Full PDB file with SEQRES, HELIX, SHEET, SSBOND, CRYST1, ORIGX, SCALE, CONECT and MASTER records, all heavy atoms in Angstrom:
SEQRES   1 A   34  ILE PHE ARG PHE ASN THR MET GLY TRP TYR ARG ARG ILE          
SEQRES   2 A   34  PRO GLY GLU ALA GLY ASP LEU VAL ALA ALA ILE SER GLU          
SEQRES   3 A   34  GLY GLY VAL THR GLN TYR GLY GLY                              
SHEET    1 AA1 3 THR A   6  ARG A  11  0                                        
SHEET    2 AA1 3 ASP A  19  SER A  25 -1                                        
SHEET    3 AA1 3 THR A  30  TYR A  32 -1                                        
CRYST1    1.000    1.000    1.000  90.00  90.00  90.00 P 1           1          
ORIGX1      1.000000  0.000000  0.000000        0.00000                         
ORIGX2      0.000000  1.000000  0.000000        0.00000                         
ORIGX3      0.000000  0.000000  1.000000        0.00000                         
SCALE1      1.000000  0.000000  0.000000        0.00000                         
SCALE2      0.000000  1.000000  0.000000        0.00000                         
SCALE3      0.000000  0.000000  1.000000        0.00000                         
ATOM      1  N   ILE A   1       5.528 -12.373  15.829  1.00  0.00           N  
ATOM      2  CA  ILE A   1       6.868 -11.901  16.159  1.00  0.00           C  
ATOM      3  C   ILE A   1       7.150 -10.628  15.347  1.00  0.00           C  
ATOM      4  O   ILE A   1       8.314 -10.131  15.385  1.00  0.00           O  
ATOM      5  CB  ILE A   1       7.928 -12.952  15.925  1.00  0.00           C  
ATOM      6  CG1 ILE A   1       8.035 -13.254  14.356  1.00  0.00           C  
ATOM      7  CG2 ILE A   1       7.695 -14.216  16.714  1.00  0.00           C  
ATOM      8  CD1 ILE A   1       9.174 -14.127  13.990  1.00  0.00           C  
ATOM      9  N   PHE A   2       6.173 -10.008  14.709  1.00  0.00           N  
ATOM     10  CA  PHE A   2       6.453  -8.813  13.899  1.00  0.00           C  
ATOM     11  C   PHE A   2       5.256  -7.781  14.082  1.00  0.00           C  
ATOM     12  O   PHE A   2       4.134  -8.219  14.083  1.00  0.00           O  
ATOM     13  CB  PHE A   2       6.539  -9.224  12.423  1.00  0.00           C  
ATOM     14  CG  PHE A   2       7.139  -8.225  11.560  1.00  0.00           C  
ATOM     15  CD1 PHE A   2       8.516  -8.119  11.389  1.00  0.00           C  
ATOM     16  CD2 PHE A   2       6.326  -7.283  10.882  1.00  0.00           C  
ATOM     17  CE1 PHE A   2       9.100  -7.164  10.571  1.00  0.00           C  
ATOM     18  CE2 PHE A   2       6.913  -6.310  10.075  1.00  0.00           C  
ATOM     19  CZ  PHE A   2       8.315  -6.257   9.891  1.00  0.00           C  
ATOM     20  N   ARG A   3       5.625  -6.531  14.059  1.00  0.00           N  
ATOM     21  CA  ARG A   3       4.685  -5.511  14.240  1.00  0.00           C  
ATOM     22  C   ARG A   3       4.697  -4.657  12.874  1.00  0.00           C  
ATOM     23  O   ARG A   3       5.735  -4.109  12.589  1.00  0.00           O  
ATOM     24  CB  ARG A   3       4.972  -4.614  15.387  1.00  0.00           C  
ATOM     25  CG  ARG A   3       4.029  -3.436  15.563  1.00  0.00           C  
ATOM     26  CD  ARG A   3       4.245  -2.688  16.835  1.00  0.00           C  
ATOM     27  NE  ARG A   3       3.333  -1.606  17.023  1.00  0.00           N  
ATOM     28  CZ  ARG A   3       3.283  -0.870  18.141  1.00  0.00           C  
ATOM     29  NH1 ARG A   3       4.021  -1.172  19.191  1.00  0.00           N  
ATOM     30  NH2 ARG A   3       2.422   0.157  18.219  1.00  0.00           N  
ATOM     31  N   PHE A   4       3.571  -4.637  12.205  1.00  0.00           N  
ATOM     32  CA  PHE A   4       3.437  -3.889  10.980  1.00  0.00           C  
ATOM     33  C   PHE A   4       3.042  -2.417  11.234  1.00  0.00           C  
ATOM     34  O   PHE A   4       1.946  -2.209  11.675  1.00  0.00           O  
ATOM     35  CB  PHE A   4       2.459  -4.576  10.081  1.00  0.00           C  
ATOM     36  CG  PHE A   4       2.902  -5.887   9.511  1.00  0.00           C  
ATOM     37  CD1 PHE A   4       2.519  -7.084  10.183  1.00  0.00           C  
ATOM     38  CD2 PHE A   4       3.678  -5.971   8.387  1.00  0.00           C  
ATOM     39  CE1 PHE A   4       2.899  -8.300   9.686  1.00  0.00           C  
ATOM     40  CE2 PHE A   4       4.112  -7.153   7.876  1.00  0.00           C  
ATOM     41  CZ  PHE A   4       3.735  -8.364   8.489  1.00  0.00           C  
ATOM     42  N   ASN A   5       4.023  -1.552  11.069  1.00  0.00           N  
ATOM     43  CA  ASN A   5       3.686  -0.086  11.261  1.00  0.00           C  
ATOM     44  C   ASN A   5       2.900   0.431  10.131  1.00  0.00           C  
ATOM     45  O   ASN A   5       1.961   1.225  10.397  1.00  0.00           O  
ATOM     46  CB  ASN A   5       5.057   0.707  11.402  1.00  0.00           C  
ATOM     47  CG  ASN A   5       5.791   0.323  12.592  1.00  0.00           C  
ATOM     48  OD1 ASN A   5       7.050   0.137  12.504  1.00  0.00           O  
ATOM     49  ND2 ASN A   5       5.177   0.264  13.756  1.00  0.00           N  
ATOM     50  N   THR A   6       3.203   0.019   8.915  1.00  0.00           N  
ATOM     51  CA  THR A   6       2.468   0.458   7.766  1.00  0.00           C  
ATOM     52  C   THR A   6       2.156  -0.754   6.880  1.00  0.00           C  
ATOM     53  O   THR A   6       2.978  -1.683   6.755  1.00  0.00           O  
ATOM     54  CB  THR A   6       3.219   1.467   6.953  1.00  0.00           C  
ATOM     55  OG1 THR A   6       4.405   0.856   6.473  1.00  0.00           O  
ATOM     56  CG2 THR A   6       3.563   2.729   7.755  1.00  0.00           C  
ATOM     57  N   MET A   7       0.959  -0.736   6.242  1.00  0.00           N  
ATOM     58  CA  MET A   7       0.630  -1.793   5.327  1.00  0.00           C  
ATOM     59  C   MET A   7      -0.054  -1.149   4.114  1.00  0.00           C  
ATOM     60  O   MET A   7      -0.624  -0.069   4.187  1.00  0.00           O  
ATOM     61  CB  MET A   7      -0.368  -2.793   5.994  1.00  0.00           C  
ATOM     62  CG  MET A   7       0.215  -3.514   7.223  1.00  0.00           C  
ATOM     63  SD  MET A   7      -0.845  -4.802   7.911  1.00  0.00           S  
ATOM     64  CE  MET A   7      -0.573  -6.088   6.623  1.00  0.00           C  
ATOM     65  N   GLY A   8      -0.025  -1.861   2.992  1.00  0.00           N  
ATOM     66  CA  GLY A   8      -0.600  -1.305   1.794  1.00  0.00           C  
ATOM     67  C   GLY A   8      -0.918  -2.336   0.784  1.00  0.00           C  
ATOM     68  O   GLY A   8      -0.539  -3.475   0.878  1.00  0.00           O  
ATOM     69  N   TRP A   9      -1.571  -1.851  -0.276  1.00  0.00           N  
ATOM     70  CA  TRP A   9      -1.922  -2.686  -1.450  1.00  0.00           C  
ATOM     71  C   TRP A   9      -1.281  -2.055  -2.654  1.00  0.00           C  
ATOM     72  O   TRP A   9      -1.361  -0.850  -2.877  1.00  0.00           O  
ATOM     73  CB  TRP A   9      -3.482  -2.806  -1.649  1.00  0.00           C  
ATOM     74  CG  TRP A   9      -4.128  -3.570  -0.573  1.00  0.00           C  
ATOM     75  CD1 TRP A   9      -4.733  -3.064   0.586  1.00  0.00           C  
ATOM     76  CD2 TRP A   9      -4.395  -4.926  -0.559  1.00  0.00           C  
ATOM     77  NE1 TRP A   9      -5.296  -4.044   1.289  1.00  0.00           N  
ATOM     78  CE2 TRP A   9      -5.138  -5.274   0.647  1.00  0.00           C  
ATOM     79  CE3 TRP A   9      -4.096  -6.015  -1.411  1.00  0.00           C  
ATOM     80  CZ2 TRP A   9      -5.504  -6.551   0.989  1.00  0.00           C  
ATOM     81  CZ3 TRP A   9      -4.554  -7.312  -1.064  1.00  0.00           C  
ATOM     82  CH2 TRP A   9      -5.273  -7.513   0.112  1.00  0.00           C  
ATOM     83  N   TYR A  10      -0.742  -2.927  -3.524  1.00  0.00           N  
ATOM     84  CA  TYR A  10      -0.121  -2.519  -4.788  1.00  0.00           C  
ATOM     85  C   TYR A  10      -0.711  -3.408  -5.869  1.00  0.00           C  
ATOM     86  O   TYR A  10      -1.083  -4.521  -5.689  1.00  0.00           O  
ATOM     87  CB  TYR A  10       1.401  -2.623  -4.709  1.00  0.00           C  
ATOM     88  CG  TYR A  10       2.103  -1.744  -3.728  1.00  0.00           C  
ATOM     89  CD1 TYR A  10       2.096  -2.025  -2.388  1.00  0.00           C  
ATOM     90  CD2 TYR A  10       2.715  -0.571  -4.176  1.00  0.00           C  
ATOM     91  CE1 TYR A  10       2.673  -1.199  -1.485  1.00  0.00           C  
ATOM     92  CE2 TYR A  10       3.370   0.268  -3.235  1.00  0.00           C  
ATOM     93  CZ  TYR A  10       3.303  -0.066  -1.894  1.00  0.00           C  
ATOM     94  OH  TYR A  10       3.959   0.783  -1.029  1.00  0.00           O  
ATOM     95  N   ARG A  11      -0.759  -2.831  -7.060  1.00  0.00           N  
ATOM     96  CA  ARG A  11      -1.256  -3.554  -8.186  1.00  0.00           C  
ATOM     97  C   ARG A  11      -0.181  -3.628  -9.269  1.00  0.00           C  
ATOM     98  O   ARG A  11       0.631  -2.688  -9.440  1.00  0.00           O  
ATOM     99  CB  ARG A  11      -2.510  -3.012  -8.787  1.00  0.00           C  
ATOM    100  CG  ARG A  11      -2.352  -1.691  -9.517  1.00  0.00           C  
ATOM    101  CD  ARG A  11      -3.719  -1.248 -10.062  1.00  0.00           C  
ATOM    102  NE  ARG A  11      -3.568  -0.045 -10.907  1.00  0.00           N  
ATOM    103  CZ  ARG A  11      -4.558   0.580 -11.574  1.00  0.00           C  
ATOM    104  NH1 ARG A  11      -5.773   0.055 -11.459  1.00  0.00           N  
ATOM    105  NH2 ARG A  11      -4.302   1.625 -12.259  1.00  0.00           N  
ATOM    106  N   ARG A  12      -0.209  -4.772  -9.999  1.00  0.00           N  
ATOM    107  CA  ARG A  12       0.785  -4.929 -11.055  1.00  0.00           C  
ATOM    108  C   ARG A  12       0.137  -5.449 -12.271  1.00  0.00           C  
ATOM    109  O   ARG A  12      -0.531  -6.534 -12.307  1.00  0.00           O  
ATOM    110  CB  ARG A  12       1.925  -5.882 -10.642  1.00  0.00           C  
ATOM    111  CG  ARG A  12       2.988  -6.068 -11.729  1.00  0.00           C  
ATOM    112  CD  ARG A  12       4.159  -6.944 -11.252  1.00  0.00           C  
ATOM    113  NE  ARG A  12       5.160  -7.023 -12.249  1.00  0.00           N  
ATOM    114  CZ  ARG A  12       5.132  -7.863 -13.276  1.00  0.00           C  
ATOM    115  NH1 ARG A  12       4.136  -8.682 -13.444  1.00  0.00           N  
ATOM    116  NH2 ARG A  12       6.156  -7.857 -14.129  1.00  0.00           N  
ATOM    117  N   ILE A  13       0.269  -4.778 -13.412  1.00  0.00           N  
ATOM    118  CA  ILE A  13      -0.254  -5.189 -14.719  1.00  0.00           C  
ATOM    119  C   ILE A  13       0.923  -5.703 -15.496  1.00  0.00           C  
ATOM    120  O   ILE A  13       1.983  -5.022 -15.613  1.00  0.00           O  
ATOM    121  CB  ILE A  13      -0.964  -4.022 -15.414  1.00  0.00           C  
ATOM    122  CG1 ILE A  13      -2.114  -3.541 -14.609  1.00  0.00           C  
ATOM    123  CG2 ILE A  13      -1.473  -4.513 -16.792  1.00  0.00           C  
ATOM    124  CD1 ILE A  13      -2.815  -2.316 -15.124  1.00  0.00           C  
ATOM    125  N   PRO A  14       0.862  -6.870 -16.134  1.00  0.00           N  
ATOM    126  CA  PRO A  14       1.995  -7.378 -16.871  1.00  0.00           C  
ATOM    127  C   PRO A  14       2.495  -6.402 -17.868  1.00  0.00           C  
ATOM    128  O   PRO A  14       1.762  -5.774 -18.616  1.00  0.00           O  
ATOM    129  CB  PRO A  14       1.365  -8.615 -17.636  1.00  0.00           C  
ATOM    130  CG  PRO A  14       0.301  -9.066 -16.709  1.00  0.00           C  
ATOM    131  CD  PRO A  14      -0.331  -7.849 -16.170  1.00  0.00           C  
ATOM    132  N   GLY A  15       3.860  -6.225 -17.839  1.00  0.00           N  
ATOM    133  CA  GLY A  15       4.525  -5.323 -18.769  1.00  0.00           C  
ATOM    134  C   GLY A  15       4.542  -3.864 -18.215  1.00  0.00           C  
ATOM    135  O   GLY A  15       5.125  -3.035 -18.924  1.00  0.00           O  
ATOM    136  N   GLU A  16       3.972  -3.649 -17.061  1.00  0.00           N  
ATOM    137  CA  GLU A  16       3.925  -2.250 -16.557  1.00  0.00           C  
ATOM    138  C   GLU A  16       4.473  -2.275 -15.095  1.00  0.00           C  
ATOM    139  O   GLU A  16       4.486  -3.282 -14.381  1.00  0.00           O  
ATOM    140  CB  GLU A  16       2.498  -1.714 -16.530  1.00  0.00           C  
ATOM    141  CG  GLU A  16       1.863  -1.611 -17.888  1.00  0.00           C  
ATOM    142  CD  GLU A  16       0.491  -0.972 -17.866  1.00  0.00           C  
ATOM    143  OE1 GLU A  16       0.133  -0.418 -16.812  1.00  0.00           O  
ATOM    144  OE2 GLU A  16      -0.207  -1.096 -18.897  1.00  0.00           O  
ATOM    145  N   ALA A  17       4.875  -1.077 -14.660  1.00  0.00           N  
ATOM    146  CA  ALA A  17       5.396  -0.927 -13.330  1.00  0.00           C  
ATOM    147  C   ALA A  17       4.260  -1.020 -12.268  1.00  0.00           C  
ATOM    148  O   ALA A  17       3.127  -0.751 -12.550  1.00  0.00           O  
ATOM    149  CB  ALA A  17       6.168   0.362 -13.076  1.00  0.00           C  
ATOM    150  N   GLY A  18       4.588  -1.506 -11.063  1.00  0.00           N  
ATOM    151  CA  GLY A  18       3.553  -1.520 -10.020  1.00  0.00           C  
ATOM    152  C   GLY A  18       3.169  -0.203  -9.554  1.00  0.00           C  
ATOM    153  O   GLY A  18       3.895   0.749  -9.516  1.00  0.00           O  
ATOM    154  N   ASP A  19       1.906  -0.072  -9.117  1.00  0.00           N  
ATOM    155  CA  ASP A  19       1.313   1.183  -8.603  1.00  0.00           C  
ATOM    156  C   ASP A  19       0.777   1.015  -7.202  1.00  0.00           C  
ATOM    157  O   ASP A  19       0.288  -0.081  -6.854  1.00  0.00           O  
ATOM    158  CB  ASP A  19       0.189   1.652  -9.524  1.00  0.00           C  
ATOM    159  CG  ASP A  19       0.658   2.012 -10.867  1.00  0.00           C  
ATOM    160  OD1 ASP A  19       1.786   2.570 -11.004  1.00  0.00           O  
ATOM    161  OD2 ASP A  19      -0.044   1.834 -11.802  1.00  0.00           O  
ATOM    162  N   LEU A  20       0.954   2.019  -6.401  1.00  0.00           N  
ATOM    163  CA  LEU A  20       0.303   2.004  -5.043  1.00  0.00           C  
ATOM    164  C   LEU A  20      -1.217   2.146  -5.190  1.00  0.00           C  
ATOM    165  O   LEU A  20      -1.671   3.017  -5.913  1.00  0.00           O  
ATOM    166  CB  LEU A  20       0.811   3.191  -4.235  1.00  0.00           C  
ATOM    167  CG  LEU A  20       0.105   3.421  -2.889  1.00  0.00           C  
ATOM    168  CD1 LEU A  20       0.407   2.245  -1.917  1.00  0.00           C  
ATOM    169  CD2 LEU A  20       0.517   4.734  -2.284  1.00  0.00           C  
ATOM    170  N   VAL A  21      -1.949   1.234  -4.607  1.00  0.00           N  
ATOM    171  CA  VAL A  21      -3.388   1.320  -4.555  1.00  0.00           C  
ATOM    172  C   VAL A  21      -3.815   2.125  -3.308  1.00  0.00           C  
ATOM    173  O   VAL A  21      -4.625   3.067  -3.386  1.00  0.00           O  
ATOM    174  CB  VAL A  21      -4.006  -0.056  -4.477  1.00  0.00           C  
ATOM    175  CG1 VAL A  21      -5.516   0.050  -4.463  1.00  0.00           C  
ATOM    176  CG2 VAL A  21      -3.589  -0.898  -5.741  1.00  0.00           C  
ATOM    177  N   ALA A  22      -3.365   1.726  -2.175  1.00  0.00           N  
ATOM    178  CA  ALA A  22      -3.664   2.312  -0.878  1.00  0.00           C  
ATOM    179  C   ALA A  22      -2.716   1.879   0.210  1.00  0.00           C  
ATOM    180  O   ALA A  22      -2.161   0.784   0.099  1.00  0.00           O  
ATOM    181  CB  ALA A  22      -5.129   2.048  -0.506  1.00  0.00           C  
ATOM    182  N   ALA A  23      -2.530   2.749   1.190  1.00  0.00           N  
ATOM    183  CA  ALA A  23      -1.694   2.364   2.338  1.00  0.00           C  
ATOM    184  C   ALA A  23      -2.294   2.895   3.559  1.00  0.00           C  
ATOM    185  O   ALA A  23      -3.044   3.838   3.575  1.00  0.00           O  
ATOM    186  CB  ALA A  23      -0.234   2.941   2.105  1.00  0.00           C  
ATOM    187  N   ILE A  24      -2.000   2.251   4.747  1.00  0.00           N  
ATOM    188  CA  ILE A  24      -2.549   2.662   5.985  1.00  0.00           C  
ATOM    189  C   ILE A  24      -1.549   2.448   7.095  1.00  0.00           C  
ATOM    190  O   ILE A  24      -0.822   1.430   7.138  1.00  0.00           O  
ATOM    191  CB  ILE A  24      -3.883   1.875   6.289  1.00  0.00           C  
ATOM    192  CG1 ILE A  24      -4.539   2.468   7.528  1.00  0.00           C  
ATOM    193  CG2 ILE A  24      -3.625   0.411   6.354  1.00  0.00           C  
ATOM    194  CD1 ILE A  24      -5.932   1.967   7.720  1.00  0.00           C  
ATOM    195  N   SER A  25      -1.469   3.388   8.035  1.00  0.00           N  
ATOM    196  CA  SER A  25      -0.543   3.240   9.142  1.00  0.00           C  
ATOM    197  C   SER A  25      -1.320   2.641  10.344  1.00  0.00           C  
ATOM    198  O   SER A  25      -2.544   2.452  10.308  1.00  0.00           O  
ATOM    199  CB  SER A  25      -0.033   4.622   9.602  1.00  0.00           C  
ATOM    200  OG  SER A  25      -1.002   5.438  10.160  1.00  0.00           O  
ATOM    201  N   GLU A  26      -0.573   2.296  11.422  1.00  0.00           N  
ATOM    202  CA  GLU A  26      -1.244   1.801  12.619  1.00  0.00           C  
ATOM    203  C   GLU A  26      -2.213   2.831  13.161  1.00  0.00           C  
ATOM    204  O   GLU A  26      -3.205   2.414  13.820  1.00  0.00           O  
ATOM    205  CB  GLU A  26      -0.167   1.482  13.721  1.00  0.00           C  
ATOM    206  CG  GLU A  26       0.568   0.200  13.486  1.00  0.00           C  
ATOM    207  CD  GLU A  26       1.433  -0.154  14.607  1.00  0.00           C  
ATOM    208  OE1 GLU A  26       2.402   0.526  14.902  1.00  0.00           O  
ATOM    209  OE2 GLU A  26       1.158  -1.213  15.212  1.00  0.00           O  
ATOM    210  N   GLY A  27      -1.925   4.119  13.048  1.00  0.00           N  
ATOM    211  CA  GLY A  27      -2.836   5.174  13.531  1.00  0.00           C  
ATOM    212  C   GLY A  27      -4.025   5.406  12.657  1.00  0.00           C  
ATOM    213  O   GLY A  27      -4.877   6.263  12.973  1.00  0.00           O  
ATOM    214  N   GLY A  28      -4.136   4.718  11.530  1.00  0.00           N  
ATOM    215  CA  GLY A  28      -5.274   4.872  10.676  1.00  0.00           C  
ATOM    216  C   GLY A  28      -5.119   5.945   9.610  1.00  0.00           C  
ATOM    217  O   GLY A  28      -6.123   6.276   8.901  1.00  0.00           O  
ATOM    218  N   VAL A  29      -3.922   6.498   9.470  1.00  0.00           N  
ATOM    219  CA  VAL A  29      -3.695   7.455   8.376  1.00  0.00           C  
ATOM    220  C   VAL A  29      -3.585   6.731   7.038  1.00  0.00           C  
ATOM    221  O   VAL A  29      -2.862   5.741   6.940  1.00  0.00           O  
ATOM    222  CB  VAL A  29      -2.386   8.287   8.606  1.00  0.00           C  
ATOM    223  CG1 VAL A  29      -2.118   9.283   7.506  1.00  0.00           C  
ATOM    224  CG2 VAL A  29      -2.474   9.022   9.962  1.00  0.00           C  
ATOM    225  N   THR A  30      -4.378   7.167   6.053  1.00  0.00           N  
ATOM    226  CA  THR A  30      -4.441   6.477   4.784  1.00  0.00           C  
ATOM    227  C   THR A  30      -3.893   7.282   3.651  1.00  0.00           C  
ATOM    228  O   THR A  30      -3.898   8.510   3.665  1.00  0.00           O  
ATOM    229  CB  THR A  30      -5.883   6.069   4.479  1.00  0.00           C  
ATOM    230  OG1 THR A  30      -6.737   7.246   4.405  1.00  0.00           O  
ATOM    231  CG2 THR A  30      -6.464   5.144   5.531  1.00  0.00           C  
ATOM    232  N   GLN A  31      -3.489   6.579   2.596  1.00  0.00           N  
ATOM    233  CA  GLN A  31      -3.109   7.245   1.340  1.00  0.00           C  
ATOM    234  C   GLN A  31      -3.592   6.388   0.175  1.00  0.00           C  
ATOM    235  O   GLN A  31      -3.495   5.171   0.268  1.00  0.00           O  
ATOM    236  CB  GLN A  31      -1.509   7.319   1.241  1.00  0.00           C  
ATOM    237  CG  GLN A  31      -0.958   7.966   0.051  1.00  0.00           C  
ATOM    238  CD  GLN A  31       0.554   7.982  -0.003  1.00  0.00           C  
ATOM    239  OE1 GLN A  31       1.208   7.709   1.040  1.00  0.00           O  
ATOM    240  NE2 GLN A  31       1.175   8.320  -1.100  1.00  0.00           N  
ATOM    241  N   TYR A  32      -4.108   7.043  -0.901  1.00  0.00           N  
ATOM    242  CA  TYR A  32      -4.629   6.351  -1.982  1.00  0.00           C  
ATOM    243  C   TYR A  32      -3.933   6.771  -3.263  1.00  0.00           C  
ATOM    244  O   TYR A  32      -3.598   7.913  -3.474  1.00  0.00           O  
ATOM    245  CB  TYR A  32      -6.152   6.566  -2.091  1.00  0.00           C  
ATOM    246  CG  TYR A  32      -6.984   6.025  -0.928  1.00  0.00           C  
ATOM    247  CD1 TYR A  32      -7.225   6.704   0.164  1.00  0.00           C  
ATOM    248  CD2 TYR A  32      -7.425   4.628  -1.059  1.00  0.00           C  
ATOM    249  CE1 TYR A  32      -7.953   6.121   1.196  1.00  0.00           C  
ATOM    250  CE2 TYR A  32      -8.141   4.120  -0.063  1.00  0.00           C  
ATOM    251  CZ  TYR A  32      -8.445   4.858   1.089  1.00  0.00           C  
ATOM    252  OH  TYR A  32      -9.142   4.281   2.074  1.00  0.00           O  
ATOM    253  N   GLY A  33      -3.872   5.814  -4.223  1.00  0.00           N  
ATOM    254  CA  GLY A  33      -3.445   6.136  -5.570  1.00  0.00           C  
ATOM    255  C   GLY A  33      -4.683   6.919  -6.202  1.00  0.00           C  
ATOM    256  O   GLY A  33      -5.794   6.669  -5.850  1.00  0.00           O  
ATOM    257  N   GLY A  34      -4.315   7.715  -7.184  1.00  0.00           N  
ATOM    258  CA  GLY A  34      -5.358   8.518  -7.843  1.00  0.00           C  
ATOM    259  C   GLY A  34      -6.515   7.722  -8.366  1.00  0.00           C  
ATOM    260  O   GLY A  34      -7.707   8.159  -8.254  1.00  0.00           O  
TER     261      GLY A  34                                                      
MASTER        0    0    0    0    3    0    0    6  260    1    0    3          
END                                                                             
């Protein structure tokens, strides 16, 4: 019942803010953390 336009992975280290690992759109456009 849901369509995911964008999906991604995030990482969290205890005591630190979460960081983007990678993201991807339905069209295959990707973005990566450094």
